Amino acid sequence: MTTSHEPQDRYKAVWLIFFMLGLGTLLPWNFFMTATRYFTNRLDETQNMSLVTAENSKDFQPSATPTVPSPERNYLSALFNNVMTLCAMLPLLFFTCLNSFLHQRIPQSVRILGSLIAILLVFLITAVLVKVHLDALSFFVITMIKIMLINSFGAILQGSLFGLAGLLPTSYTAPIMSGQGLAGFFASVAMICAIASGSELSESAFGYFITACGVIVLAIICYLGLPRLEFYRYYQQLKLEGPGEQETKLDLISKGQNSPQKLGWRVACPGGSSMGTEGKNEYTILVPALSVCFIFTVTIGMFPAVTAEVQSSIAGNSAWGAYFIPVSCFLTFNVFDWLGRSLTAIFTWPGKDSHWLPSLVLARILFVPLLLLCNVQPRRYLAVVFEHDAWFIIFMAAFAFSNGYLASLCMCFGPKKVKPAEAETAGAIMAFFLSLGLALGAVFSFLFRSIV
């Protein structure tokens, strides 16, 4: 096929739409996590008020001293973060896996539009419930159901988007990753602004949820405009004109021992030609898939379970103590993660068949001891080696940048290791390994935190 007849992406319209879809994928969930304090405080207040009501109903005589709700956290708010992680990661992993196997049976528009609309409805309900009184247990259960729904539909949406981007040139996975990185940045800025304004938690949370609804509506409008663009239609047509037979998912993540051409693997040689399985530099989709899984296992294992427990050594009684974690942990991570993701749009070293890529991915394990030896409190076993705040900020910047850059490279390269007709399936499989890394990271976070 020649490239002379390929249409141009005028005004970078398709690139911008994929960026907006990436932003719409994670911004709602990031705002939901940003409102964690709202959920836990509401659980505390609701349960304490219930205890006060129950106590007063037993005594008809007015009390000489009014009962004050206990400031201590109740069992529901204490469990909230752990249960939220479980309710988020399990559906995310399950539905990403399901999407990678069923994406050919359910139309793309149904998966993407249906997921966006479902997430929009969940956030509309969440915004309404800010103004509705519920008892603690009902509020807790409803919140966990919403978390499961958001991550279930989010998994289908994310897997479908990466599959869709796999049909286009390599650079069109980068805007999805960049948009997802920017979502975390917006959530971090919202957290800092809420602290600075001193506004009520319920008001801040309501603003988060309404903003998320607006972003989702914009993402829906962008997706509806995508089929109208000639550049996008051209690459969709390439898929339709490709080979009719689709290999199984097992074939796509394994090497063809006897017939590499049948499986669509093009193994790059130094001179640019293709070579069979007897050649040296054999790579399959398994390499970038395992790489992206390892990247997010390390990242989620440390952030935010360990990094959010670091305390400032220089704050004292200054305001920096209140802003230390929002700025040095969340804002620093999201800014440099976004920069790393965005850089792949203009710079893609190392190449998809280079040994440097998996080597750099494995080297990220060094961040585990570096961050554990920062001023994480409380701690029982390890000594503090990097006590000053500057060390923590430097480590977080490098940790986040490497996460964004290497993960984006892997997600870009994965679908390009197969034939065009298999690219959407490869993209869905890459999304599954990404979600697997998130789930494994959540498990390892308990281990990393326990050894400090």
Protein backbone atom coordinates (compact mmCIF):
# COMPACT_ATOMS: atom_id res chain seq x y z
CA MET A 1 0.00 0.00 0.00
CA THR A 2 1.33 3.42 -0.86
CA THR A 3 1.08 6.38 1.41
CA SER A 4 0.52 8.98 -1.32
CA HIS A 5 -3.28 8.68 -1.09
CA GLU A 6 -3.51 8.78 2.69
CA PRO A 7 -5.60 11.75 3.85
CA GLN A 8 -4.20 14.23 6.34
CA ASP A 9 -5.52 14.81 9.84
CA ARG A 10 -6.62 18.39 9.17
CA TYR A 11 -6.23 20.74 12.13
CA LYS A 12 -5.22 17.67 14.18
CA ALA A 13 -8.95 17.10 14.69
CA VAL A 14 -8.72 13.33 15.21
CA TRP A 15 -5.74 13.76 17.55
CA LEU A 16 -7.67 16.30 19.63
CA ILE A 17 -10.76 14.08 19.76
CA PHE A 18 -8.69 11.16 21.07
CA PHE A 19 -7.14 13.52 23.63
CA MET A 20 -10.61 14.57 24.76
CA LEU A 21 -11.78 10.96 24.95
CA GLY A 22 -8.73 10.10 27.06
CA LEU A 23 -9.52 13.01 29.35
CA GLY A 24 -13.14 11.88 29.61
CA THR A 25 -12.04 8.35 30.48
CA LEU A 26 -10.22 9.20 33.71
CA LEU A 27 -11.33 12.68 34.77
CA PRO A 28 -14.62 11.45 36.31
CA TRP A 29 -12.84 8.79 38.38
CA ASN A 30 -10.09 11.21 39.41
CA PHE A 31 -12.68 13.67 40.65
CA PHE A 32 -14.40 10.82 42.48
CA MET A 33 -11.14 9.98 44.27
CA THR A 34 -10.53 13.66 44.98
CA ALA A 35 -13.84 13.70 46.87
CA THR A 36 -12.78 10.85 49.18
CA ARG A 37 -12.68 13.21 52.18
CA TYR A 38 -16.28 14.19 51.44
CA PHE A 39 -17.40 10.55 51.51
CA THR A 40 -15.54 9.64 54.71
CA ASN A 41 -16.62 12.81 56.54
CA ARG A 42 -20.23 12.28 55.53
CA LEU A 43 -20.09 8.72 56.81
CA ASP A 44 -18.68 9.97 60.13
CA GLU A 45 -21.27 12.71 60.51
CA THR A 46 -24.21 10.53 59.46
CA GLN A 47 -23.32 7.63 61.75
CA ASN A 48 -22.55 9.89 64.70
CA MET A 49 -25.85 11.70 64.26
CA SER A 50 -27.63 8.34 64.12
CA LEU A 51 -26.02 7.37 67.42
CA VAL A 52 -27.14 10.66 68.96
CA THR A 53 -30.72 10.14 67.76
CA ALA A 54 -30.80 6.59 69.10
CA GLU A 55 -29.45 7.73 72.46
CA ASN A 56 -31.98 10.53 72.77
CA SER A 57 -34.89 8.25 71.92
CA LYS A 58 -34.15 6.17 75.02
CA ASP A 59 -34.34 9.15 77.35
CA PHE A 60 -37.39 11.40 77.40
CA GLN A 61 -35.76 13.83 79.84
CA PRO A 62 -33.72 16.57 78.21
CA SER A 63 -30.03 16.19 78.87
CA ALA A 64 -28.26 18.85 80.89
CA THR A 65 -25.35 18.80 78.44
CA PRO A 66 -25.98 18.24 74.74
CA THR A 67 -24.36 15.22 73.15
CA VAL A 68 -21.56 16.11 70.76
CA PRO A 69 -20.84 13.77 67.84
CA SER A 70 -17.62 11.88 68.38
CA PRO A 71 -14.69 13.08 66.27
CA GLU A 72 -13.41 9.53 65.99
CA ARG A 73 -13.82 7.77 62.68
CA ASN A 74 -16.49 5.08 62.61
CA TYR A 75 -15.91 1.66 61.15
CA LEU A 76 -17.49 2.49 57.76
CA SER A 77 -15.28 5.51 57.08
CA ALA A 78 -12.21 3.62 58.34
CA LEU A 79 -12.90 0.87 55.82
CA PHE A 80 -13.81 3.22 52.99
CA ASN A 81 -10.43 3.48 51.20
CA ASN A 82 -9.69 -0.25 51.31
CA VAL A 83 -13.17 -1.26 50.17
CA MET A 84 -13.12 1.46 47.50
CA THR A 85 -9.86 0.08 46.08
CA LEU A 86 -11.30 -3.43 46.01
CA CYS A 87 -14.56 -2.31 44.41
CA ALA A 88 -12.61 -0.32 41.81
CA MET A 89 -9.88 -2.75 40.76
CA LEU A 90 -11.81 -6.03 40.55
CA PRO A 91 -14.50 -4.76 38.13
CA LEU A 92 -11.83 -2.86 36.19
CA LEU A 93 -9.80 -6.03 35.63
CA PHE A 94 -12.81 -8.26 34.95
CA PHE A 95 -14.51 -5.98 32.42
CA THR A 96 -11.25 -5.13 30.66
CA CYS A 97 -10.68 -8.85 30.20
CA LEU A 98 -14.27 -9.32 29.05
CA ASN A 99 -13.95 -6.47 26.58
CA SER A 100 -10.82 -7.98 25.02
CA PHE A 101 -12.77 -11.13 24.18
CA LEU A 102 -16.17 -9.69 23.25
CA HIS A 103 -15.22 -6.51 21.38
CA GLN A 104 -15.83 -8.17 18.00
CA ARG A 105 -19.35 -9.21 19.02
CA ILE A 106 -20.54 -5.85 20.36
CA PRO A 107 -20.39 -2.82 18.04
CA GLN A 108 -17.78 -0.24 18.89
CA SER A 109 -20.32 2.60 19.08
CA VAL A 110 -22.43 0.67 21.57
CA ARG A 111 -19.43 -0.01 23.82
CA ILE A 112 -18.08 3.56 23.78
CA LEU A 113 -21.31 5.58 23.74
CA GLY A 114 -23.05 3.20 26.13
CA SER A 115 -20.18 3.43 28.62
CA LEU A 116 -20.02 7.23 28.44
CA ILE A 117 -23.77 7.58 28.96
CA ALA A 118 -23.75 5.10 31.87
CA ILE A 119 -20.89 6.97 33.61
CA LEU A 120 -22.73 10.27 33.03
CA LEU A 121 -25.85 8.90 34.72
CA VAL A 122 -23.84 7.62 37.70
CA PHE A 123 -22.28 11.05 38.24
CA LEU A 124 -25.62 12.83 37.89
CA ILE A 125 -27.01 10.56 40.61
CA THR A 126 -23.91 11.18 42.74
CA ALA A 127 -24.34 14.96 42.41
CA VAL A 128 -28.02 14.71 43.40
CA LEU A 129 -27.21 12.55 46.44
CA VAL A 130 -24.94 15.32 47.79
CA LYS A 131 -28.18 17.12 48.70
CA VAL A 132 -30.07 14.03 49.93
CA HIS A 133 -29.84 12.70 53.48
CA LEU A 134 -29.13 8.97 53.83
CA ASP A 135 -28.18 6.84 56.79
CA ALA A 136 -24.53 5.76 56.96
CA LEU A 137 -24.94 2.15 55.83
CA SER A 138 -27.18 3.02 52.87
CA PHE A 139 -24.80 5.79 51.79
CA PHE A 140 -21.82 3.43 52.04
CA VAL A 141 -23.47 0.65 50.01
CA ILE A 142 -24.76 3.01 47.32
CA THR A 143 -21.33 4.65 47.02
CA MET A 144 -19.61 1.27 46.55
CA ILE A 145 -22.15 0.25 43.91
CA LYS A 146 -21.45 3.50 42.06
CA ILE A 147 -17.70 2.84 42.26
CA MET A 148 -18.19 -0.62 40.77
CA LEU A 149 -20.36 0.77 37.97
CA ILE A 150 -17.94 3.60 37.14
CA ASN A 151 -14.97 1.24 36.88
CA SER A 152 -16.90 -1.45 35.01
CA PHE A 153 -18.02 0.93 32.29
CA GLY A 154 -14.68 2.76 32.48
CA ALA A 155 -12.88 -0.51 31.72
CA ILE A 156 -15.03 -1.13 28.65
CA LEU A 157 -14.52 2.47 27.53
CA GLN A 158 -10.74 2.40 28.04
CA GLY A 159 -10.29 -0.96 26.31
CA SER A 160 -12.45 0.14 23.39
CA LEU A 161 -10.56 3.43 22.99
CA PHE A 162 -7.15 1.74 22.93
CA GLY A 163 -8.51 -0.77 20.45
CA LEU A 164 -9.84 2.07 18.32
CA ALA A 165 -6.51 3.92 18.47
CA GLY A 166 -4.75 0.73 17.41
CA LEU A 167 -6.28 1.12 13.94
CA LEU A 168 -4.60 4.49 13.46
CA PRO A 169 -0.88 5.40 13.24
CA THR A 170 1.27 4.83 16.32
CA SER A 171 1.11 8.46 17.44
CA TYR A 172 -2.67 8.29 18.01
CA THR A 173 -2.41 6.25 21.19
CA ALA A 174 -0.37 9.07 22.74
CA PRO A 175 -3.28 11.57 22.95
CA ILE A 176 -5.36 9.06 24.93
CA MET A 177 -2.51 8.57 27.40
CA SER A 178 -1.88 12.32 27.51
CA GLY A 179 -5.55 13.08 28.14
CA GLN A 180 -5.63 10.54 30.96
CA GLY A 181 -2.56 12.16 32.50
CA LEU A 182 -4.13 15.62 32.30
CA ALA A 183 -7.18 14.27 34.13
CA GLY A 184 -5.06 13.61 37.20
CA PHE A 185 -3.59 17.11 36.96
CA PHE A 186 -7.04 18.72 36.95
CA ALA A 187 -8.09 16.67 39.96
CA SER A 188 -4.94 17.68 41.88
CA VAL A 189 -5.48 21.37 41.12
CA ALA A 190 -9.11 21.03 42.23
CA MET A 191 -7.94 19.54 45.54
CA ILE A 192 -5.48 22.38 46.16
CA CYS A 193 -8.06 25.04 45.25
CA ALA A 194 -10.58 23.48 47.66
CA ILE A 195 -8.02 23.65 50.49
CA ALA A 196 -7.12 27.25 49.64
CA SER A 197 -10.74 28.41 49.44
CA GLY A 198 -11.74 26.81 52.72
CA SER A 199 -15.07 25.79 51.15
CA GLU A 200 -17.29 23.09 52.60
CA LEU A 201 -16.49 19.54 51.53
CA SER A 202 -20.02 19.02 50.21
CA GLU A 203 -19.76 22.13 48.03
CA SER A 204 -16.39 21.04 46.64
CA ALA A 205 -17.67 17.51 45.96
CA PHE A 206 -20.77 18.82 44.19
CA GLY A 207 -18.50 20.94 41.98
CA TYR A 208 -16.33 17.90 41.18
CA PHE A 209 -19.31 15.79 40.13
CA ILE A 210 -20.94 18.50 37.98
CA THR A 211 -17.61 19.25 36.28
CA ALA A 212 -17.17 15.54 35.52
CA CYS A 213 -20.65 15.47 33.96
CA GLY A 214 -19.72 18.39 31.70
CA VAL A 215 -16.52 16.67 30.55
CA ILE A 216 -18.38 13.44 29.77
CA VAL A 217 -20.97 15.33 27.69
CA LEU A 218 -18.13 16.98 25.75
CA ALA A 219 -16.49 13.57 25.20
CA ILE A 220 -19.78 12.20 23.82
CA ILE A 221 -20.03 15.11 21.37
CA CYS A 222 -16.42 14.56 20.25
CA TYR A 223 -16.97 10.84 19.65
CA LEU A 224 -20.12 11.50 17.62
CA GLY A 225 -18.09 13.79 15.36
CA LEU A 226 -15.28 11.26 14.78
CA PRO A 227 -16.91 9.29 11.89
CA ARG A 228 -17.36 12.54 9.95
CA LEU A 229 -13.59 12.97 9.56
CA GLU A 230 -11.98 11.56 6.39
CA PHE A 231 -8.72 10.67 8.15
CA TYR A 232 -10.55 8.44 10.63
CA ARG A 233 -12.76 6.84 7.95
CA TYR A 234 -9.69 5.97 5.89
CA TYR A 235 -8.14 3.85 8.64
CA GLN A 236 -11.49 2.28 9.51
CA GLN A 237 -11.70 1.17 5.88
CA LEU A 238 -8.24 -0.41 6.11
CA LYS A 239 -9.55 -2.68 8.84
CA LEU A 240 -12.57 -3.69 6.76
CA GLU A 241 -10.34 -4.50 3.79
CA GLY A 242 -7.94 -6.58 5.90
CA PRO A 243 -7.94 -10.39 6.12
CA GLY A 244 -11.27 -11.78 7.21
CA GLU A 245 -9.94 -14.46 9.50
CA GLN A 246 -9.24 -13.29 13.05
CA GLU A 247 -6.80 -15.21 15.20
CA THR A 248 -7.68 -16.11 18.74
CA LYS A 249 -6.49 -13.98 21.64
CA LEU A 250 -4.08 -16.75 22.61
CA ASP A 251 -2.49 -16.53 19.17
CA LEU A 252 -2.05 -12.79 19.49
CA ILE A 253 -0.01 -12.99 22.68
CA SER A 254 2.13 -15.95 21.69
CA LYS A 255 4.83 -16.51 19.08
CA GLY A 256 4.11 -18.48 15.93
CA GLN A 257 6.60 -21.33 15.99
CA ASN A 258 6.05 -22.50 12.44
CA SER A 259 4.31 -19.72 10.52
CA PRO A 260 4.99 -16.21 11.76
CA GLN A 261 3.46 -14.68 8.63
CA LYS A 262 0.15 -16.41 9.32
CA LEU A 263 -0.04 -14.76 12.72
CA GLY A 264 0.88 -11.39 11.31
CA TRP A 265 4.10 -10.89 13.27
CA ARG A 266 6.58 -8.68 11.46
CA VAL A 267 9.90 -9.03 13.28
CA ALA A 268 12.12 -6.07 12.54
CA CYS A 269 15.67 -6.60 11.35
CA PRO A 270 18.37 -3.93 11.51
CA GLY A 271 17.95 -3.40 7.78
CA GLY A 272 14.18 -3.03 7.95
CA SER A 273 13.25 -6.42 6.44
CA SER A 274 11.29 -9.19 8.07
CA MET A 275 12.68 -12.40 9.41
CA GLY A 276 11.30 -15.70 10.59
CA THR A 277 11.37 -17.30 13.99
CA GLU A 278 14.93 -18.40 13.47
CA GLY A 279 16.11 -14.75 13.65
CA LYS A 280 17.51 -13.15 16.77
CA ASN A 281 15.40 -10.08 17.56
CA GLU A 282 12.04 -11.75 18.00
CA TYR A 283 9.38 -9.64 19.69
CA THR A 284 5.68 -10.17 20.09
CA ILE A 285 2.90 -8.23 21.71
CA LEU A 286 3.77 -10.10 24.90
CA VAL A 287 6.81 -7.84 25.47
CA PRO A 288 4.96 -4.48 25.55
CA ALA A 289 1.98 -6.11 27.29
CA LEU A 290 4.07 -7.45 30.18
CA SER A 291 6.03 -4.18 30.26
CA VAL A 292 2.94 -2.02 30.75
CA CYS A 293 1.68 -4.46 33.38
CA PHE A 294 4.96 -4.20 35.31
CA ILE A 295 5.02 -0.39 35.01
CA PHE A 296 1.62 0.01 36.67
CA THR A 297 2.29 -2.69 39.24
CA VAL A 298 5.24 -0.65 40.53
CA THR A 299 3.40 2.66 40.21
CA ILE A 300 0.15 1.71 41.98
CA GLY A 301 2.11 -0.31 44.53
CA MET A 302 3.75 2.92 45.71
CA PHE A 303 1.31 5.67 44.70
CA PRO A 304 -0.65 6.75 46.64
CA ALA A 305 -0.62 4.04 49.35
CA VAL A 306 3.00 4.77 50.38
CA THR A 307 3.74 8.19 48.90
CA ALA A 308 0.69 9.84 50.48
CA GLU A 309 2.04 8.86 53.93
CA VAL A 310 5.25 10.88 53.56
CA GLN A 311 5.48 13.79 55.99
CA SER A 312 7.26 17.10 55.52
CA SER A 313 10.45 17.54 57.52
CA ILE A 314 10.56 21.33 57.14
CA ALA A 315 6.92 22.43 57.44
CA GLY A 316 6.71 22.85 61.21
CA ASN A 317 3.63 24.96 61.95
CA SER A 318 3.60 26.65 58.54
CA ALA A 319 0.89 26.30 55.87
CA TRP A 320 3.25 24.09 53.86
CA GLY A 321 2.20 21.20 56.07
CA ALA A 322 -1.38 21.35 54.72
CA TYR A 323 -0.21 21.63 51.11
CA PHE A 324 2.74 19.21 51.26
CA ILE A 325 0.96 16.02 50.12
CA PRO A 326 -1.42 17.72 47.62
CA VAL A 327 1.54 19.50 45.98
CA SER A 328 4.58 17.23 46.40
CA CYS A 329 2.74 13.94 45.97
CA PHE A 330 -0.43 14.37 43.86
CA LEU A 331 0.31 17.50 41.82
CA THR A 332 3.96 16.55 41.18
CA PHE A 333 3.00 13.04 40.13
CA ASN A 334 0.21 14.13 37.79
CA VAL A 335 2.19 16.95 36.17
CA PHE A 336 5.24 14.82 35.38
CA ASP A 337 3.14 11.79 34.44
CA TRP A 338 1.29 13.98 31.95
CA LEU A 339 4.57 15.39 30.58
CA GLY A 340 5.90 11.86 30.10
CA ARG A 341 2.75 10.71 28.31
CA SER A 342 2.71 13.82 26.11
CA LEU A 343 6.37 13.52 25.09
CA THR A 344 5.66 10.33 23.14
CA ALA A 345 3.70 12.41 20.62
CA ILE A 346 6.99 13.91 19.38
CA PHE A 347 9.68 11.53 20.62
CA THR A 348 9.61 7.72 20.69
CA TRP A 349 12.92 6.39 21.97
CA PRO A 350 13.65 3.52 22.43
CA GLY A 351 12.07 1.86 19.42
CA LYS A 352 9.45 -0.86 19.62
CA ASP A 353 12.00 -3.65 19.01
CA SER A 354 14.77 -2.25 21.19
CA HIS A 355 16.09 -4.10 24.25
CA TRP A 356 16.26 -0.74 26.01
CA LEU A 357 12.49 -0.53 26.47
CA PRO A 358 12.04 -3.61 28.72
CA SER A 359 15.34 -2.77 30.44
CA LEU A 360 14.14 0.71 31.40
CA VAL A 361 10.81 -0.74 32.53
CA LEU A 362 12.57 -3.19 34.87
CA ALA A 363 14.86 -0.42 36.16
CA ARG A 364 11.80 1.36 37.64
CA ILE A 365 11.87 -1.15 40.51
CA LEU A 366 14.62 1.05 41.98
CA PHE A 367 11.97 3.63 42.88
CA VAL A 368 10.52 1.22 45.46
CA PRO A 369 13.46 1.40 47.92
CA LEU A 370 14.08 5.09 47.14
CA LEU A 371 10.53 6.09 48.11
CA LEU A 372 10.34 3.68 51.05
CA LEU A 373 13.44 5.35 52.52
CA CYS A 374 11.81 8.79 52.41
CA ASN A 375 10.06 10.19 55.48
CA VAL A 376 7.07 7.81 55.40
CA GLN A 377 5.24 7.88 58.73
CA PRO A 378 4.47 5.92 60.78
CA ARG A 379 7.28 3.41 60.25
CA ARG A 380 8.61 0.47 62.27
CA TYR A 381 11.41 -1.27 60.40
CA LEU A 382 13.31 0.93 57.94
CA ALA A 383 15.37 3.99 58.75
CA VAL A 384 14.71 7.34 57.09
CA VAL A 385 17.54 8.02 54.64
CA PHE A 386 16.03 10.78 52.45
CA GLU A 387 14.39 12.99 55.06
CA HIS A 388 14.40 16.37 53.32
CA ASP A 389 11.30 17.28 51.27
CA ALA A 390 13.42 17.99 48.20
CA TRP A 391 14.50 14.34 47.90
CA PHE A 392 10.89 13.17 47.92
CA ILE A 393 9.85 15.71 45.28
CA ILE A 394 12.78 14.74 43.00
CA PHE A 395 12.02 11.03 43.33
CA MET A 396 8.30 11.63 42.70
CA ALA A 397 9.03 13.68 39.56
CA ALA A 398 11.28 10.97 38.07
CA PHE A 399 8.91 8.21 39.21
CA ALA A 400 5.93 9.90 37.54
CA PHE A 401 7.73 10.91 34.34
CA SER A 402 9.06 7.39 33.74
CA ASN A 403 5.59 5.98 34.39
CA GLY A 404 3.92 8.24 31.85
CA TYR A 405 6.60 8.00 29.17
CA LEU A 406 7.28 4.25 29.26
CA ALA A 407 3.62 3.27 29.66
CA SER A 408 2.63 5.46 26.73
CA LEU A 409 5.39 3.95 24.57
CA CYS A 410 4.23 0.42 25.36
CA MET A 411 0.59 1.25 24.62
CA CYS A 412 1.61 2.86 21.31
CA PHE A 413 3.87 0.02 20.18
CA GLY A 414 1.67 -2.95 21.13
CA PRO A 415 -0.93 -2.70 18.31
CA LYS A 416 1.80 -1.98 15.76
CA LYS A 417 3.32 -5.43 16.18
CA VAL A 418 0.37 -7.11 14.44
CA LYS A 419 -1.45 -6.83 11.13
CA PRO A 420 -3.91 -3.92 10.70
CA ALA A 421 -6.88 -6.30 10.90
CA GLU A 422 -5.68 -7.44 14.35
CA ALA A 423 -4.77 -4.00 15.70
CA GLU A 424 -8.06 -3.40 17.55
CA THR A 425 -7.80 -6.76 19.29
CA ALA A 426 -4.17 -6.03 20.21
CA GLY A 427 -5.18 -2.66 21.64
CA ALA A 428 -7.86 -4.31 23.77
CA ILE A 429 -5.33 -6.87 25.04
CA MET A 430 -2.90 -4.07 25.94
CA ALA A 431 -5.67 -2.40 27.93
CA PHE A 432 -6.24 -5.68 29.78
CA PHE A 433 -2.57 -5.93 30.79
CA LEU A 434 -2.68 -2.29 31.90
CA SER A 435 -5.64 -3.09 34.16
CA LEU A 436 -3.90 -6.23 35.39
CA GLY A 437 -0.97 -4.05 36.44
CA LEU A 438 -3.33 -1.73 38.33
CA ALA A 439 -4.86 -4.66 40.18
CA LEU A 440 -1.49 -6.22 41.03
CA GLY A 441 -0.23 -2.83 42.19
CA ALA A 442 -3.18 -2.52 44.57
CA VAL A 443 -2.25 -5.90 46.06
CA PHE A 444 1.46 -5.09 46.38
CA SER A 445 0.67 -1.73 48.00
CA PHE A 446 -0.23 -3.58 51.21
CA LEU A 447 3.15 -5.36 51.14
CA PHE A 448 5.17 -2.23 50.43
CA ARG A 449 3.45 -0.27 53.18
CA SER A 450 3.91 -3.07 55.72
CA ILE A 451 7.70 -3.27 55.32
CA VAL A 452 8.36 0.42 56.08
